[in-house]
């Protein structure tokens, strides 16, 4: 069921949202060559699609977030608010809705990753109560999306 907070309507992603969401990610500089956004969406729709949220203003997608819970920690990925709609509380509303849904699943803690160069995003999350954990973030690619794009 869609949730309306102020003038932002938050609801789960629908397949017809794909182009608008990818444009949003592009506008927010979230895309990297090693991640195929179409495949990222396809993967998310296979796992907890109800936690892939979009925020609409007058029917237009202006924000979005992917959330997930694997039984130990919740995660936030791809939080984006269109540059011309920032500082209006939309990111805060999306995070609050993701937190509400994760908490309902029994999630005790949320993790997220922010590029260390994205100081503005780090400050945003700090204002929402997030803190830097004393851990090293490590990753290992199991598939090469870039190679997949070239096929």
C-alpha atoms as a PDB file:
ATOM      1  CA  UNK A   1       0.000   0.000   0.000  1.00  0.00           C
ATOM      2  CA  UNK A   2       1.500   3.400  -0.939  1.00  0.00           C
ATOM      3  CA  UNK A   3       2.470   5.693   1.897  1.00  0.00           C
ATOM      4  CA  UNK A   4       2.068   9.427   1.495  1.00  0.00           C
ATOM      5  CA  UNK A   5       4.357  11.635   3.569  1.00  0.00           C
ATOM      6  CA  UNK A   6       3.819  15.350   3.039  1.00  0.00           C
ATOM      7  CA  UNK A   7       3.608  15.627  -0.731  1.00  0.00           C
ATOM      8  CA  UNK A   8       5.915  12.674  -1.493  1.00  0.00           C
ATOM      9  CA  UNK A   9       4.178   9.376  -2.215  1.00  0.00           C
ATOM     10  CA  UNK A  10       6.285   6.332  -1.411  1.00  0.00           C
ATOM     11  CA  UNK A  11       5.498   2.969  -2.949  1.00  0.00           C
ATOM     12  CA  UNK A  12       7.310  -0.161  -4.100  1.00  0.00           C
ATOM     13  CA  UNK A  13       9.068  -0.037  -7.477  1.00  0.00           C
ATOM     14  CA  UNK A  14       7.098  -1.234 -10.505  1.00  0.00           C
ATOM     15  CA  UNK A  15       8.681  -2.566 -13.714  1.00  0.00           C
ATOM     16  CA  UNK A  16       7.459   0.474 -15.665  1.00  0.00           C
ATOM     17  CA  UNK A  17       9.557   2.662 -13.304  1.00  0.00           C
ATOM     18  CA  UNK A  18      12.867   1.261 -14.582  1.00  0.00           C
ATOM     19  CA  UNK A  19      13.833   3.983 -17.075  1.00  0.00           C
ATOM     20  CA  UNK A  20      12.907   6.795 -14.661  1.00  0.00           C
ATOM     21  CA  UNK A  21      14.849   5.186 -11.808  1.00  0.00           C
ATOM     22  CA  UNK A  22      17.952   4.694 -13.943  1.00  0.00           C
ATOM     23  CA  UNK A  23      17.735   8.335 -15.085  1.00  0.00           C
ATOM     24  CA  UNK A  24      17.476   9.348 -11.423  1.00  0.00           C
ATOM     25  CA  UNK A  25      20.587   7.309 -10.591  1.00  0.00           C
ATOM     26  CA  UNK A  26      22.414   8.949 -13.505  1.00  0.00           C
ATOM     27  CA  UNK A  27      21.352  12.424 -12.371  1.00  0.00           C
ATOM     28  CA  UNK A  28      22.632  11.606  -8.864  1.00  0.00           C
ATOM     29  CA  UNK A  29      25.961  10.178 -10.136  1.00  0.00           C
ATOM     30  CA  UNK A  30      25.312   6.764  -8.582  1.00  0.00           C
ATOM     31  CA  UNK A  31      26.149   4.650 -11.616  1.00  0.00           C
ATOM     32  CA  UNK A  32      29.545   3.097 -12.186  1.00  0.00           C
ATOM     33  CA  UNK A  33      30.812   1.224 -15.236  1.00  0.00           C
ATOM     34  CA  UNK A  34      31.174  -2.012 -13.280  1.00  0.00           C
ATOM     35  CA  UNK A  35      27.475  -2.051 -12.303  1.00  0.00           C
ATOM     36  CA  UNK A  36      24.776  -2.594 -14.905  1.00  0.00           C
ATOM     37  CA  UNK A  37      21.732  -0.757 -13.484  1.00  0.00           C
ATOM     38  CA  UNK A  38      19.289  -2.944 -15.429  1.00  0.00           C
ATOM     39  CA  UNK A  39      20.838  -6.059 -13.905  1.00  0.00           C
ATOM     40  CA  UNK A  40      20.893  -4.451 -10.442  1.00  0.00           C
ATOM     41  CA  UNK A  41      17.158  -3.827 -10.768  1.00  0.00           C
ATOM     42  CA  UNK A  42      16.559  -7.345 -12.100  1.00  0.00           C
ATOM     43  CA  UNK A  43      18.449  -8.789  -9.130  1.00  0.00           C
ATOM     44  CA  UNK A  44      16.541  -6.661  -6.627  1.00  0.00           C
ATOM     45  CA  UNK A  45      13.197  -7.680  -8.106  1.00  0.00           C
ATOM     46  CA  UNK A  46      14.171 -11.307  -7.418  1.00  0.00           C
ATOM     47  CA  UNK A  47      14.901 -10.623  -3.716  1.00  0.00           C
ATOM     48  CA  UNK A  48      12.560  -8.603  -1.490  1.00  0.00           C
ATOM     49  CA  UNK A  49      11.120  -6.428  -4.274  1.00  0.00           C
ATOM     50  CA  UNK A  50       8.789  -4.825  -1.721  1.00  0.00           C
ATOM     51  CA  UNK A  51      11.867  -3.144  -0.223  1.00  0.00           C
ATOM     52  CA  UNK A  52      12.743  -1.337  -3.470  1.00  0.00           C
ATOM     53  CA  UNK A  53      10.964   1.966  -2.902  1.00  0.00           C
ATOM     54  CA  UNK A  54      10.341   4.977  -5.099  1.00  0.00           C
ATOM     55  CA  UNK A  55       9.167   8.435  -4.110  1.00  0.00           C
ATOM     56  CA  UNK A  56       6.812  10.295  -6.403  1.00  0.00           C
ATOM     57  CA  UNK A  57       5.910  13.946  -6.553  1.00  0.00           C
ATOM     58  CA  UNK A  58       2.954  14.804  -8.791  1.00  0.00           C
ATOM     59  CA  UNK A  59       3.319  11.359 -10.390  1.00  0.00           C
ATOM     60  CA  UNK A  60       7.026  11.818 -11.222  1.00  0.00           C
ATOM     61  CA  UNK A  61       9.732   9.651  -9.638  1.00  0.00           C
ATOM     62  CA  UNK A  62      12.026  12.043  -7.779  1.00  0.00           C
ATOM     63  CA  UNK A  63      13.568   9.652  -5.240  1.00  0.00           C
ATOM     64  CA  UNK A  64      14.295   6.008  -4.596  1.00  0.00           C
ATOM     65  CA  UNK A  65      16.065   3.517  -2.369  1.00  0.00           C
ATOM     66  CA  UNK A  66      16.822  -0.203  -2.374  1.00  0.00           C
ATOM     67  CA  UNK A  67      16.613  -1.795   1.050  1.00  0.00           C
ATOM     68  CA  UNK A  68      17.210  -5.375   2.073  1.00  0.00           C
ATOM     69  CA  UNK A  69      17.449  -7.658   5.087  1.00  0.00           C
ATOM     70  CA  UNK A  70      19.366 -10.930   5.179  1.00  0.00           C
ATOM     71  CA  UNK A  71      18.453 -11.958   8.706  1.00  0.00           C
ATOM     72  CA  UNK A  72      21.369 -10.268  10.461  1.00  0.00           C
ATOM     73  CA  UNK A  73      21.591  -6.721   9.091  1.00  0.00           C
ATOM     74  CA  UNK A  74      19.522  -4.475   6.932  1.00  0.00           C
ATOM     75  CA  UNK A  75      21.083  -2.592   4.059  1.00  0.00           C
ATOM     76  CA  UNK A  76      20.334   0.574   2.145  1.00  0.00           C
ATOM     77  CA  UNK A  77      21.575   1.002  -1.408  1.00  0.00           C
ATOM     78  CA  UNK A  78      20.981   3.442  -4.235  1.00  0.00           C
ATOM     79  CA  UNK A  79      19.376   6.160  -2.102  1.00  0.00           C
ATOM     80  CA  UNK A  80      18.763   8.968  -4.560  1.00  0.00           C
ATOM     81  CA  UNK A  81      16.864  12.244  -4.577  1.00  0.00           C
ATOM     82  CA  UNK A  82      16.749  14.239  -7.799  1.00  0.00           C
ATOM     83  CA  UNK A  83      19.132  17.198  -7.472  1.00  0.00           C
ATOM     84  CA  UNK A  84      16.374  19.779  -7.997  1.00  0.00           C
ATOM     85  CA  UNK A  85      14.249  18.176  -5.248  1.00  0.00           C
ATOM     86  CA  UNK A  86      16.856  17.971  -2.490  1.00  0.00           C
ATOM     87  CA  UNK A  87      16.643  19.648   0.921  1.00  0.00           C
ATOM     88  CA  UNK A  88      12.893  19.064   1.086  1.00  0.00           C
ATOM     89  CA  UNK A  89      12.985  16.037   3.389  1.00  0.00           C
ATOM     90  CA  UNK A  90      12.386  13.438   0.677  1.00  0.00           C
ATOM     91  CA  UNK A  91      15.547  11.447   1.428  1.00  0.00           C
ATOM     92  CA  UNK A  92      14.685  11.490   5.109  1.00  0.00           C
ATOM     93  CA  UNK A  93      11.159  10.254   4.322  1.00  0.00           C
ATOM     94  CA  UNK A  94      12.436   7.397   2.154  1.00  0.00           C
ATOM     95  CA  UNK A  95      14.960   6.288   4.774  1.00  0.00           C
ATOM     96  CA  UNK A  96      12.266   6.429   7.490  1.00  0.00           C
ATOM     97  CA  UNK A  97       9.944   4.264   5.379  1.00  0.00           C
ATOM     98  CA  UNK A  98      12.745   1.777   4.632  1.00  0.00           C
ATOM     99  CA  UNK A  99      13.601   1.680   8.353  1.00  0.00           C
ATOM    100  CA  UNK A 100       9.953   1.088   9.233  1.00  0.00           C
ATOM    101  CA  UNK A 101       9.703  -1.816   6.787  1.00  0.00           C
ATOM    102  CA  UNK A 102      13.007  -3.320   7.926  1.00  0.00           C
ATOM    103  CA  UNK A 103      12.053  -3.004  11.585  1.00  0.00           C
ATOM    104  CA  UNK A 104       8.760  -4.765  10.845  1.00  0.00           C
ATOM    105  CA  UNK A 105      10.861  -7.700   9.558  1.00  0.00           C
ATOM    106  CA  UNK A 106      12.803  -7.794  12.850  1.00  0.00           C
ATOM    107  CA  UNK A 107      15.916  -6.085  11.523  1.00  0.00           C
ATOM    108  CA  UNK A 108      18.114  -4.920  14.453  1.00  0.00           C
ATOM    109  CA  UNK A 109      20.595  -2.704  12.566  1.00  0.00           C
ATOM    110  CA  UNK A 110      21.004  -1.064   9.167  1.00  0.00           C
ATOM    111  CA  UNK A 111      24.283  -0.820   7.304  1.00  0.00           C
ATOM    112  CA  UNK A 112      25.105   1.200   4.241  1.00  0.00           C
ATOM    113  CA  UNK A 113      28.147   2.170   2.276  1.00  0.00           C
ATOM    114  CA  UNK A 114      29.035   5.679   1.126  1.00  0.00           C
ATOM    115  CA  UNK A 115      32.000   6.556  -1.031  1.00  0.00           C
ATOM    116  CA  UNK A 116      34.424   8.390   1.249  1.00  0.00           C
ATOM    117  CA  UNK A 117      34.514  11.262  -1.253  1.00  0.00           C
ATOM    118  CA  UNK A 118      30.757  11.839  -0.883  1.00  0.00           C
ATOM    119  CA  UNK A 119      30.954  14.099   2.161  1.00  0.00           C
ATOM    120  CA  UNK A 120      27.460  15.508   1.578  1.00  0.00           C
ATOM    121  CA  UNK A 121      25.896  12.033   1.759  1.00  0.00           C
ATOM    122  CA  UNK A 122      27.877  11.160   4.872  1.00  0.00           C
ATOM    123  CA  UNK A 123      26.591  14.299   6.604  1.00  0.00           C
ATOM    124  CA  UNK A 124      23.031  13.476   5.534  1.00  0.00           C
ATOM    125  CA  UNK A 125      23.266  10.005   7.100  1.00  0.00           C
ATOM    126  CA  UNK A 126      24.890  11.371  10.270  1.00  0.00           C
ATOM    127  CA  UNK A 127      21.909  13.716  10.703  1.00  0.00           C
ATOM    128  CA  UNK A 128      19.663  10.631  10.524  1.00  0.00           C
ATOM    129  CA  UNK A 129      21.559   8.912  13.334  1.00  0.00           C
ATOM    130  CA  UNK A 130      23.986   6.783  11.330  1.00  0.00           C
ATOM    131  CA  UNK A 131      27.597   6.608  12.499  1.00  0.00           C
ATOM    132  CA  UNK A 132      30.799   5.331  10.948  1.00  0.00           C
ATOM    133  CA  UNK A 133      31.421   1.776  12.166  1.00  0.00           C
ATOM    134  CA  UNK A 134      34.945   0.713  13.045  1.00  0.00           C
ATOM    135  CA  UNK A 135      35.091  -1.807  10.212  1.00  0.00           C
ATOM    136  CA  UNK A 136      36.691  -2.125   6.814  1.00  0.00           C
ATOM    137  CA  UNK A 137      34.315  -2.562   3.924  1.00  0.00           C
ATOM    138  CA  UNK A 138      35.500  -5.352   1.672  1.00  0.00           C
ATOM    139  CA  UNK A 139      34.031  -6.677  -1.517  1.00  0.00           C
ATOM    140  CA  UNK A 140      34.509  -9.387  -4.102  1.00  0.00           C
ATOM    141  CA  UNK A 141      32.812  -9.393  -7.493  1.00  0.00           C
ATOM    142  CA  UNK A 142      31.203 -12.706  -8.347  1.00  0.00           C
ATOM    143  CA  UNK A 143      30.236 -11.662 -11.854  1.00  0.00           C
ATOM    144  CA  UNK A 144      31.372  -9.003 -14.274  1.00  0.00           C
ATOM    145  CA  UNK A 145      28.420  -6.854 -15.301  1.00  0.00           C
ATOM    146  CA  UNK A 146      30.662  -4.906 -17.648  1.00  0.00           C
ATOM    147  CA  UNK A 147      31.544  -8.074 -19.577  1.00  0.00           C
ATOM    148  CA  UNK A 148      27.852  -8.981 -19.645  1.00  0.00           C
ATOM    149  CA  UNK A 149      27.034  -5.586 -21.232  1.00  0.00           C
ATOM    150  CA  UNK A 150      29.542  -6.199 -24.028  1.00  0.00           C
ATOM    151  CA  UNK A 151      28.003  -9.527 -25.074  1.00  0.00           C
END
